[in-house]
Amino acid sequence: MVITYYGLSCFKVQSGDQTIIFDPPSKDSDLKPPRFETHVALSSHNHPLHNGIKDLPGKKESGPFLISGPGEYEIEDLSVTGLNSFHDSSQGKERGRNTIYVVEMENMRLCHLGDFGEKELSAENEEAMGEIDVLFVPVGGKDVIDPEEAVKIISELEPKIAIPMHYAISKTPIKGAKIEEFLKEWGEEKISPEDKFTFKKKDLPEDGTKLVVLSPTISIS
């Protein structure tokens, strides 16, 4: 499995001949959407920085399989569960709803929290998420959970791998806490960013959580 980060909440995940993308920016945003063929495109909520799933070319003539909300989906060898949550800590009154995605592929469970803004996970969602191998977690605060809240959620879910996202990146419209603030809260300030994260299930740690920081590949429109 190979994971590539495109800034904000956007990731490409490649597994064999399958490619999925989480939260690609649209052509109407300030970020250039990545251009590659994908099987499945997922959007956590309807915002130009996250809803560009219709702008992507598909591996098939019909285009990619698009997912933009809660539900259960089966696409070839992939299983996707979308869980309803909120983009803020006031039941969506400020910024609306957010979808958490749990994707099963290559005998691993990946969880993308989207623009999760609640102070903590609901008991219902935490139970539905189950054991997580790879967790994509927002850490920048402002419109999502902040570094302290992110560390708490990672500790509760105990994923094998945690990958921070949605933090401030210089010379981009992405604001909030910097990755250094999250790393300080996490207690490991000298983690070197990787261009891509390549691994197999056998590479996952047996105990504890490994934090993986990815260098964002990002372009401004």
Protein backbone atom coordinates (compact mmCIF):
# COMPACT_ATOMS: atom_id res chain seq x y z
CA MET A 1 0.00 0.00 0.00
CA VAL A 2 1.25 3.48 -0.88
CA ILE A 3 -0.15 6.69 0.67
CA THR A 4 0.55 10.15 -0.78
CA TYR A 5 -0.52 13.45 0.82
CA TYR A 6 -1.82 16.40 -1.22
CA GLY A 7 -2.40 18.84 1.64
CA LEU A 8 -5.42 19.68 3.80
CA SER A 9 -7.40 16.40 4.00
CA CYS A 10 -6.51 14.99 0.57
CA PHE A 11 -4.76 11.63 0.26
CA LYS A 12 -4.21 9.12 -2.51
CA VAL A 13 -4.13 5.49 -1.43
CA GLN A 14 -2.83 2.87 -3.87
CA SER A 15 -3.26 -0.82 -3.22
CA GLY A 16 -2.34 -3.15 -6.06
CA ASP A 17 -4.30 -1.92 -9.07
CA GLN A 18 -6.82 -0.06 -6.88
CA THR A 19 -6.56 3.70 -6.28
CA ILE A 20 -8.76 5.79 -4.01
CA ILE A 21 -8.69 9.46 -3.08
CA PHE A 22 -10.01 11.25 -0.01
CA ASP A 23 -11.23 14.87 -0.08
CA PRO A 24 -9.75 16.21 -3.33
CA PRO A 25 -10.14 20.01 -3.79
CA SER A 26 -12.42 21.10 -6.61
CA LYS A 27 -11.60 23.29 -9.61
CA ASP A 28 -13.47 26.10 -7.83
CA SER A 29 -11.07 26.14 -4.86
CA ASP A 30 -7.76 27.95 -4.30
CA LEU A 31 -5.87 24.65 -4.60
CA LYS A 32 -5.16 22.75 -7.80
CA PRO A 33 -6.83 19.34 -7.71
CA PRO A 34 -4.51 16.38 -8.23
CA ARG A 35 -4.80 14.71 -11.63
CA PHE A 36 -4.69 10.94 -11.75
CA GLU A 37 -7.14 8.17 -12.53
CA THR A 38 -8.90 6.69 -9.53
CA HIS A 39 -11.39 3.92 -8.81
CA VAL A 40 -13.10 5.53 -5.82
CA ALA A 41 -13.33 9.19 -4.77
CA LEU A 42 -14.63 10.17 -1.33
CA SER A 43 -15.70 13.58 0.00
CA SER A 44 -16.24 14.21 3.71
CA HIS A 45 -18.38 17.33 3.22
CA ASN A 46 -19.59 19.77 0.59
CA HIS A 47 -16.88 22.43 0.50
CA PRO A 48 -14.73 23.40 -2.53
CA LEU A 49 -11.54 22.38 -0.72
CA HIS A 50 -12.96 18.88 -0.17
CA ASN A 51 -15.62 18.12 -2.79
CA GLY A 52 -13.72 17.82 -6.08
CA ILE A 53 -14.63 14.16 -6.57
CA LYS A 54 -16.50 14.88 -9.84
CA ASP A 55 -13.43 16.56 -11.36
CA LEU A 56 -11.28 13.42 -11.36
CA PRO A 57 -10.79 10.99 -14.25
CA GLY A 58 -11.72 7.40 -13.54
CA LYS A 59 -9.99 4.12 -14.19
CA LYS A 60 -13.15 3.11 -16.06
CA GLU A 61 -15.05 4.92 -18.82
CA SER A 62 -17.90 5.52 -16.38
CA GLY A 63 -15.54 7.47 -14.13
CA PRO A 64 -14.68 6.83 -10.48
CA PHE A 65 -17.20 5.54 -7.96
CA LEU A 66 -18.22 8.66 -6.01
CA ILE A 67 -19.04 8.66 -2.29
CA SER A 68 -20.13 11.81 -0.49
CA GLY A 69 -22.02 10.75 2.61
CA PRO A 70 -22.87 8.11 5.22
CA GLY A 71 -23.74 4.56 4.21
CA GLU A 72 -22.22 1.21 3.34
CA TYR A 73 -20.58 0.66 -0.04
CA GLU A 74 -18.99 -2.35 -1.75
CA ILE A 75 -16.78 -1.60 -4.77
CA GLU A 76 -14.97 -4.62 -6.18
CA ASP A 77 -12.44 -5.57 -3.46
CA LEU A 78 -13.14 -2.46 -1.37
CA SER A 79 -15.54 -2.02 1.51
CA VAL A 80 -16.43 1.52 2.62
CA THR A 81 -18.50 2.65 5.60
CA GLY A 82 -19.45 6.31 5.96
CA LEU A 83 -20.34 7.48 9.48
CA ASN A 84 -22.26 10.65 10.23
CA SER A 85 -20.49 13.23 12.41
CA PHE A 86 -20.19 17.00 12.69
CA HIS A 87 -17.79 19.67 11.46
CA ASP A 88 -18.06 21.54 14.77
CA SER A 89 -18.74 20.96 18.45
CA SER A 90 -22.34 22.26 18.31
CA GLN A 91 -24.09 19.46 16.41
CA GLY A 92 -23.39 21.02 13.03
CA LYS A 93 -24.99 24.38 13.78
CA GLU A 94 -21.84 26.28 12.76
CA ARG A 95 -20.32 24.27 9.90
CA GLY A 96 -22.69 21.40 9.18
CA ARG A 97 -22.14 17.67 8.89
CA ASN A 98 -19.00 15.66 8.23
CA THR A 99 -18.58 12.06 7.12
CA ILE A 100 -15.99 9.77 8.70
CA TYR A 101 -14.91 6.99 6.33
CA VAL A 102 -13.70 3.52 7.23
CA VAL A 103 -12.20 1.72 4.23
CA GLU A 104 -11.24 -1.95 4.22
CA MET A 105 -8.61 -2.87 1.64
CA GLU A 106 -5.62 -5.22 1.56
CA ASN A 107 -6.91 -6.78 4.82
CA MET A 108 -6.42 -3.45 6.61
CA ARG A 109 -8.82 -0.86 7.97
CA LEU A 110 -8.19 2.79 7.13
CA CYS A 111 -10.14 5.57 8.84
CA HIS A 112 -10.30 9.12 7.46
CA LEU A 113 -11.88 11.51 9.97
CA GLY A 114 -12.54 14.23 7.38
CA ASP A 115 -13.09 17.69 8.88
CA PHE A 116 -14.08 16.27 12.24
CA GLY A 117 -14.84 19.11 14.64
CA GLU A 118 -16.47 17.46 17.65
CA LYS A 119 -14.57 17.50 20.93
CA GLU A 120 -14.70 13.71 21.03
CA LEU A 121 -16.01 10.75 19.08
CA SER A 122 -19.49 9.50 19.85
CA ALA A 123 -19.66 6.05 21.44
CA GLU A 124 -21.69 4.87 18.45
CA ASN A 125 -19.08 5.96 15.91
CA GLU A 126 -16.18 4.67 17.94
CA GLU A 127 -17.81 1.24 18.13
CA ALA A 128 -18.60 1.26 14.39
CA MET A 129 -15.01 2.17 13.53
CA GLY A 130 -13.61 -0.90 15.28
CA GLU A 131 -9.89 -1.61 15.24
CA ILE A 132 -8.08 0.84 12.97
CA ASP A 133 -4.80 0.16 11.21
CA VAL A 134 -4.30 3.61 9.64
CA LEU A 135 -5.93 6.77 10.97
CA PHE A 136 -5.97 10.07 9.05
CA VAL A 137 -6.59 12.70 11.72
CA PRO A 138 -7.04 16.50 11.47
CA VAL A 139 -4.82 18.39 13.92
CA GLY A 140 -4.90 22.08 12.99
CA GLY A 141 -7.75 23.42 15.11
CA LYS A 142 -9.76 26.43 13.92
CA ASP A 143 -12.34 24.53 11.81
CA VAL A 144 -11.40 21.04 13.07
CA ILE A 145 -10.07 19.45 16.24
CA ASP A 146 -6.88 20.98 17.64
CA PRO A 147 -3.58 19.24 18.49
CA GLU A 148 -4.61 18.38 22.04
CA GLU A 149 -7.97 16.94 20.94
CA ALA A 150 -6.29 15.02 18.11
CA VAL A 151 -3.81 13.38 20.49
CA LYS A 152 -6.70 12.37 22.75
CA ILE A 153 -8.60 10.74 19.89
CA ILE A 154 -5.50 8.89 18.68
CA SER A 155 -4.97 7.60 22.22
CA GLU A 156 -8.58 6.41 22.41
CA LEU A 157 -8.62 4.67 19.02
CA GLU A 158 -5.10 3.22 19.30
CA PRO A 159 -4.49 2.87 15.55
CA LYS A 160 -1.34 1.12 14.35
CA ILE A 161 -0.47 4.17 12.23
CA ALA A 162 -1.62 7.79 12.68
CA ILE A 163 -1.16 10.32 9.88
CA PRO A 164 -1.84 14.00 10.73
CA MET A 165 -3.64 16.24 8.24
CA HIS A 166 -5.45 19.58 7.97
CA TYR A 167 -2.71 21.74 9.49
CA ALA A 168 -1.31 25.08 8.34
CA ILE A 169 0.97 25.02 5.30
CA SER A 170 2.93 28.17 4.42
CA LYS A 171 2.07 30.03 1.21
CA THR A 172 -1.30 28.28 0.98
CA PRO A 173 -4.84 29.19 2.13
CA ILE A 174 -4.66 26.39 4.70
CA LYS A 175 -4.68 27.96 8.16
CA GLY A 176 -4.61 26.73 11.75
CA ALA A 177 -1.94 25.16 13.93
CA LYS A 178 1.34 24.13 12.30
CA ILE A 179 2.45 20.51 12.28
CA GLU A 180 5.17 21.42 14.80
CA GLU A 181 2.50 22.33 17.35
CA PHE A 182 0.89 18.92 16.99
CA LEU A 183 4.23 17.10 17.21
CA LYS A 184 5.02 18.96 20.42
CA GLU A 185 1.67 17.90 21.88
CA TRP A 186 2.32 14.33 20.71
CA GLY A 187 5.71 14.34 22.40
CA GLU A 188 7.89 13.61 19.37
CA GLU A 189 9.17 16.81 17.78
CA LYS A 190 11.86 15.34 15.53
CA ILE A 191 9.82 13.16 13.16
CA SER A 192 11.10 13.64 9.61
CA PRO A 193 8.40 13.99 6.92
CA GLU A 194 8.26 11.33 4.22
CA ASP A 195 7.32 11.90 0.58
CA LYS A 196 5.21 8.72 0.52
CA PHE A 197 4.37 6.01 3.00
CA THR A 198 4.80 2.52 1.56
CA PHE A 199 3.97 -0.50 3.72
CA LYS A 200 2.30 -3.89 4.06
CA LYS A 201 0.20 -5.27 6.87
CA LYS A 202 3.20 -7.18 8.23
CA ASP A 203 5.02 -3.84 8.65
CA LEU A 204 2.46 -2.46 11.11
CA PRO A 205 3.65 -2.17 14.72
CA GLU A 206 2.43 -4.91 17.04
CA ASP A 207 2.06 -2.52 19.97
CA GLY A 208 1.40 1.19 20.25
CA THR A 209 0.89 3.79 17.53
CA LYS A 210 3.48 4.91 15.01
CA LEU A 211 3.10 8.52 13.86
CA VAL A 212 3.84 9.08 10.16
CA VAL A 213 4.19 12.65 8.84
CA LEU A 214 3.92 13.08 5.07
CA SER A 215 5.24 16.00 3.03
CA PRO A 216 2.30 17.56 1.19
CA THR A 217 2.35 17.73 -2.60
CA ILE A 218 0.30 20.87 -3.12
CA SER A 219 -0.21 23.52 -5.80
CA ILE A 220 -2.05 26.84 -5.68
CA SER A 221 -4.59 27.64 -8.40
